[in-house]
Amino acid sequence: GSILGYKRSKANQYNHTALLKIDGVVTKNEVEFYLGKKMAYVYKAKTLKKGTFFRCIWGKVMRAHGNTGTVKAKFTSNLPPSSLGGSVRV
């Protein structure tokens, strides 16, 4: 899937919840299969840790957002702004 942005209103942004579009999911009913599923945002860092340059932030699908298959998800730590527009593994 892809990261669309953070949960927000007109004036406020809530970084603890991310909005995601899961590939191939087009309706609210199709989202039900993914509720509670784990997802991983994998990214590459500059420094070597635990023998790898890759890091991962784990998250979970919480609920649907609208009627077009978009979902709200929470991650163990908030997603960094550089992740917006990036991809996530479900």
N, C-alpha and C. Protein backbone atom coordinates (compact mmCIF):
# COMPACT_ATOMS: atom_id res chain seq x y z
N GLY A 1 0.82 -1.19 0.00
CA GLY A 1 0.00 0.00 0.00
C GLY A 1 0.86 1.25 0.00
N SER A 2 0.21 2.40 -0.02
CA SER A 2 0.95 3.66 0.00
C SER A 2 0.44 4.57 1.11
N ILE A 3 1.35 5.40 1.62
CA ILE A 3 1.03 6.31 2.72
C ILE A 3 0.53 7.62 2.13
N LEU A 4 -0.69 8.00 2.50
CA LEU A 4 -1.29 9.22 1.95
C LEU A 4 -0.95 10.44 2.80
N GLY A 5 -0.92 10.27 4.12
CA GLY A 5 -0.66 11.39 5.00
C GLY A 5 -1.11 11.05 6.40
N TYR A 6 -1.17 12.08 7.25
CA TYR A 6 -1.63 11.89 8.61
C TYR A 6 -3.12 12.19 8.70
N LYS A 7 -3.77 11.68 9.76
CA LYS A 7 -5.15 12.05 10.06
C LYS A 7 -5.15 13.55 10.35
N ARG A 8 -6.11 14.28 9.79
CA ARG A 8 -6.12 15.73 10.00
C ARG A 8 -7.50 16.33 9.84
N SER A 9 -7.61 17.54 10.35
CA SER A 9 -8.80 18.34 10.12
C SER A 9 -8.34 19.58 9.36
N LYS A 10 -9.15 20.59 9.30
CA LYS A 10 -8.77 21.77 8.53
C LYS A 10 -7.53 22.43 9.11
N ALA A 11 -7.49 22.55 10.44
CA ALA A 11 -6.40 23.29 11.07
C ALA A 11 -5.39 22.41 11.79
N ASN A 12 -5.82 21.19 12.20
CA ASN A 12 -4.95 20.35 13.02
C ASN A 12 -4.54 19.08 12.30
N GLN A 13 -3.37 18.58 12.70
CA GLN A 13 -2.86 17.33 12.13
C GLN A 13 -2.56 16.39 13.29
N TYR A 14 -2.98 15.12 13.14
CA TYR A 14 -2.79 14.14 14.21
C TYR A 14 -1.79 13.09 13.73
N ASN A 15 -0.53 13.23 14.16
CA ASN A 15 0.55 12.40 13.65
C ASN A 15 0.48 10.96 14.13
N HIS A 16 -0.30 10.70 15.18
CA HIS A 16 -0.33 9.33 15.72
C HIS A 16 -1.15 8.38 14.84
N THR A 17 -1.89 8.91 13.88
CA THR A 17 -2.68 8.07 12.98
C THR A 17 -2.34 8.41 11.53
N ALA A 18 -2.02 7.39 10.74
CA ALA A 18 -1.68 7.59 9.33
C ALA A 18 -2.83 7.11 8.45
N LEU A 19 -3.01 7.77 7.30
CA LEU A 19 -3.99 7.33 6.31
C LEU A 19 -3.25 6.57 5.22
N LEU A 20 -3.75 5.38 4.89
CA LEU A 20 -3.07 4.53 3.91
C LEU A 20 -4.05 4.04 2.86
N LYS A 21 -3.53 3.84 1.65
CA LYS A 21 -4.31 3.24 0.58
C LYS A 21 -3.72 1.87 0.31
N ILE A 22 -4.52 0.82 0.53
CA ILE A 22 -4.05 -0.55 0.29
C ILE A 22 -4.37 -0.91 -1.16
N ASP A 23 -3.38 -1.44 -1.87
CA ASP A 23 -3.55 -1.78 -3.29
C ASP A 23 -4.68 -2.80 -3.47
N GLY A 24 -5.55 -2.54 -4.43
CA GLY A 24 -6.61 -3.50 -4.77
C GLY A 24 -7.83 -3.43 -3.88
N VAL A 25 -7.84 -2.52 -2.90
CA VAL A 25 -9.00 -2.37 -2.01
C VAL A 25 -9.76 -1.12 -2.44
N VAL A 26 -11.04 -1.30 -2.84
CA VAL A 26 -11.78 -0.18 -3.41
C VAL A 26 -13.04 0.18 -2.62
N THR A 27 -13.51 -0.72 -1.73
CA THR A 27 -14.73 -0.43 -0.99
C THR A 27 -14.51 -0.63 0.51
N LYS A 28 -15.46 -0.08 1.26
CA LYS A 28 -15.42 -0.21 2.72
C LYS A 28 -15.53 -1.67 3.14
N ASN A 29 -16.31 -2.46 2.41
CA ASN A 29 -16.49 -3.88 2.75
C ASN A 29 -15.20 -4.66 2.59
N GLU A 30 -14.40 -4.32 1.59
CA GLU A 30 -13.13 -5.02 1.36
C GLU A 30 -12.11 -4.71 2.44
N VAL A 31 -12.28 -3.57 3.12
CA VAL A 31 -11.36 -3.17 4.18
C VAL A 31 -11.45 -4.13 5.37
N GLU A 32 -12.64 -4.69 5.62
CA GLU A 32 -12.87 -5.53 6.80
C GLU A 32 -11.85 -6.66 6.92
N PHE A 33 -11.42 -7.21 5.79
CA PHE A 33 -10.42 -8.29 5.81
C PHE A 33 -9.11 -7.81 6.43
N TYR A 34 -8.75 -6.55 6.22
CA TYR A 34 -7.46 -6.02 6.66
C TYR A 34 -7.47 -5.47 8.08
N LEU A 35 -8.63 -5.31 8.70
CA LEU A 35 -8.70 -4.73 10.04
C LEU A 35 -7.92 -5.58 11.03
N GLY A 36 -7.01 -4.94 11.78
CA GLY A 36 -6.20 -5.65 12.75
C GLY A 36 -4.93 -6.25 12.17
N LYS A 37 -4.78 -6.22 10.85
CA LYS A 37 -3.59 -6.79 10.23
C LYS A 37 -2.37 -5.91 10.48
N LYS A 38 -1.20 -6.55 10.60
CA LYS A 38 0.04 -5.82 10.83
C LYS A 38 0.59 -5.31 9.50
N MET A 39 1.29 -4.19 9.57
CA MET A 39 1.95 -3.66 8.39
C MET A 39 3.32 -3.14 8.78
N ALA A 40 4.20 -3.05 7.81
CA ALA A 40 5.57 -2.64 8.09
C ALA A 40 5.98 -1.52 7.14
N TYR A 41 6.50 -0.43 7.71
CA TYR A 41 7.13 0.61 6.91
C TYR A 41 8.63 0.36 6.97
N VAL A 42 9.21 -0.08 5.86
CA VAL A 42 10.63 -0.43 5.81
C VAL A 42 11.37 0.69 5.11
N TYR A 43 12.47 1.14 5.74
CA TYR A 43 13.25 2.23 5.15
C TYR A 43 14.72 1.96 5.36
N LYS A 44 15.54 2.71 4.65
CA LYS A 44 16.97 2.51 4.70
C LYS A 44 17.61 3.67 5.47
N ALA A 45 18.53 3.34 6.39
CA ALA A 45 19.20 4.36 7.20
C ALA A 45 20.68 4.44 6.82
N LYS A 46 21.35 5.48 7.29
CA LYS A 46 22.76 5.67 6.94
C LYS A 46 23.70 4.84 7.80
N THR A 47 23.32 4.59 9.05
CA THR A 47 24.23 3.88 9.95
C THR A 47 23.84 2.41 10.07
N LEU A 48 24.84 1.58 10.25
CA LEU A 48 24.65 0.13 10.37
C LEU A 48 24.24 -0.20 11.80
N LYS A 49 23.10 -0.89 11.94
CA LYS A 49 22.67 -1.35 13.27
C LYS A 49 22.19 -2.78 13.15
N LYS A 50 22.62 -3.63 14.08
CA LYS A 50 22.28 -5.05 14.07
C LYS A 50 22.61 -5.70 12.73
N GLY A 51 23.71 -5.23 12.11
CA GLY A 51 24.18 -5.84 10.87
C GLY A 51 23.40 -5.49 9.61
N THR A 52 22.54 -4.45 9.66
CA THR A 52 21.76 -4.09 8.48
C THR A 52 21.53 -2.58 8.43
N PHE A 53 21.33 -2.09 7.22
CA PHE A 53 21.01 -0.68 7.04
C PHE A 53 19.50 -0.45 7.00
N PHE A 54 18.73 -1.54 6.96
CA PHE A 54 17.28 -1.41 6.87
C PHE A 54 16.64 -1.37 8.26
N ARG A 55 15.65 -0.50 8.41
CA ARG A 55 14.90 -0.39 9.66
C ARG A 55 13.42 -0.58 9.34
N CYS A 56 12.65 -0.81 10.38
CA CYS A 56 11.23 -1.09 10.18
C CYS A 56 10.40 -0.48 11.31
N ILE A 57 9.30 0.15 10.95
CA ILE A 57 8.33 0.61 11.94
C ILE A 57 7.06 -0.22 11.73
N TRP A 58 6.63 -0.94 12.77
CA TRP A 58 5.45 -1.80 12.67
C TRP A 58 4.19 -1.03 12.99
N GLY A 59 3.11 -1.39 12.32
CA GLY A 59 1.83 -0.74 12.56
C GLY A 59 0.68 -1.72 12.42
N LYS A 60 -0.52 -1.20 12.63
CA LYS A 60 -1.72 -2.04 12.60
C LYS A 60 -2.86 -1.25 11.98
N VAL A 61 -3.65 -1.92 11.13
CA VAL A 61 -4.83 -1.29 10.52
C VAL A 61 -5.91 -1.16 11.59
N MET A 62 -6.39 0.05 11.82
CA MET A 62 -7.37 0.28 12.88
C MET A 62 -8.81 0.29 12.37
N ARG A 63 -9.07 1.04 11.28
CA ARG A 63 -10.44 1.20 10.80
C ARG A 63 -10.44 1.77 9.39
N ALA A 64 -11.61 1.79 8.77
CA ALA A 64 -11.75 2.36 7.44
C ALA A 64 -11.78 3.88 7.54
N HIS A 65 -11.47 4.54 6.43
CA HIS A 65 -11.55 6.00 6.35
C HIS A 65 -12.30 6.31 5.06
N GLY A 66 -13.58 6.64 5.18
CA GLY A 66 -14.37 6.91 3.99
C GLY A 66 -14.86 5.62 3.34
N ASN A 67 -15.36 5.75 2.12
CA ASN A 67 -15.99 4.62 1.44
C ASN A 67 -15.15 4.02 0.31
N THR A 68 -13.93 4.53 0.11
CA THR A 68 -13.17 4.13 -1.08
C THR A 68 -12.00 3.20 -0.76
N GLY A 69 -12.01 2.58 0.43
CA GLY A 69 -10.97 1.61 0.74
C GLY A 69 -9.72 2.18 1.38
N THR A 70 -9.76 3.45 1.77
CA THR A 70 -8.65 4.03 2.52
C THR A 70 -8.76 3.56 3.97
N VAL A 71 -7.61 3.38 4.65
CA VAL A 71 -7.65 2.93 6.05
C VAL A 71 -6.86 3.86 6.95
N LYS A 72 -7.21 3.84 8.25
CA LYS A 72 -6.43 4.53 9.27
C LYS A 72 -5.58 3.48 9.96
N ALA A 73 -4.32 3.82 10.23
CA ALA A 73 -3.43 2.87 10.88
C ALA A 73 -2.60 3.58 11.93
N LYS A 74 -2.25 2.83 12.97
CA LYS A 74 -1.37 3.37 14.01
C LYS A 74 -0.07 2.58 13.99
N PHE A 75 1.05 3.28 14.14
CA PHE A 75 2.36 2.66 14.14
C PHE A 75 2.98 2.76 15.52
N THR A 76 3.95 1.87 15.83
CA THR A 76 4.55 1.84 17.16
C THR A 76 5.19 3.18 17.50
N SER A 77 5.86 3.79 16.54
CA SER A 77 6.26 5.18 16.69
C SER A 77 5.71 5.90 15.48
N ASN A 78 5.41 7.18 15.63
CA ASN A 78 4.78 7.92 14.54
C ASN A 78 5.65 7.87 13.28
N LEU A 79 5.00 7.80 12.12
CA LEU A 79 5.74 7.77 10.87
C LEU A 79 6.43 9.11 10.64
N PRO A 80 7.67 9.11 10.14
CA PRO A 80 8.37 10.36 9.87
C PRO A 80 7.78 11.04 8.64
N PRO A 81 7.91 12.37 8.54
CA PRO A 81 7.37 13.08 7.38
C PRO A 81 7.96 12.60 6.05
N SER A 82 9.19 12.08 6.09
CA SER A 82 9.81 11.60 4.85
C SER A 82 9.11 10.36 4.32
N SER A 83 8.28 9.71 5.14
CA SER A 83 7.58 8.50 4.71
C SER A 83 6.35 8.81 3.86
N LEU A 84 5.83 10.04 3.93
CA LEU A 84 4.59 10.37 3.24
C LEU A 84 4.77 10.18 1.74
N GLY A 85 3.84 9.46 1.14
CA GLY A 85 3.94 9.14 -0.29
C GLY A 85 4.70 7.86 -0.52
N GLY A 86 5.31 7.33 0.52
CA GLY A 86 6.09 6.09 0.39
C GLY A 86 5.20 4.86 0.44
N SER A 87 5.85 3.69 0.44
CA SER A 87 5.08 2.47 0.42
C SER A 87 5.18 1.74 1.76
N VAL A 88 4.17 0.91 2.01
CA VAL A 88 4.10 0.16 3.26
C VAL A 88 3.72 -1.28 2.91
N ARG A 89 4.23 -2.26 3.65
CA ARG A 89 3.92 -3.66 3.39
C ARG A 89 2.83 -4.13 4.32
N VAL A 90 1.77 -4.70 3.75
CA VAL A 90 0.66 -5.19 4.57
C VAL A 90 0.73 -6.70 4.65
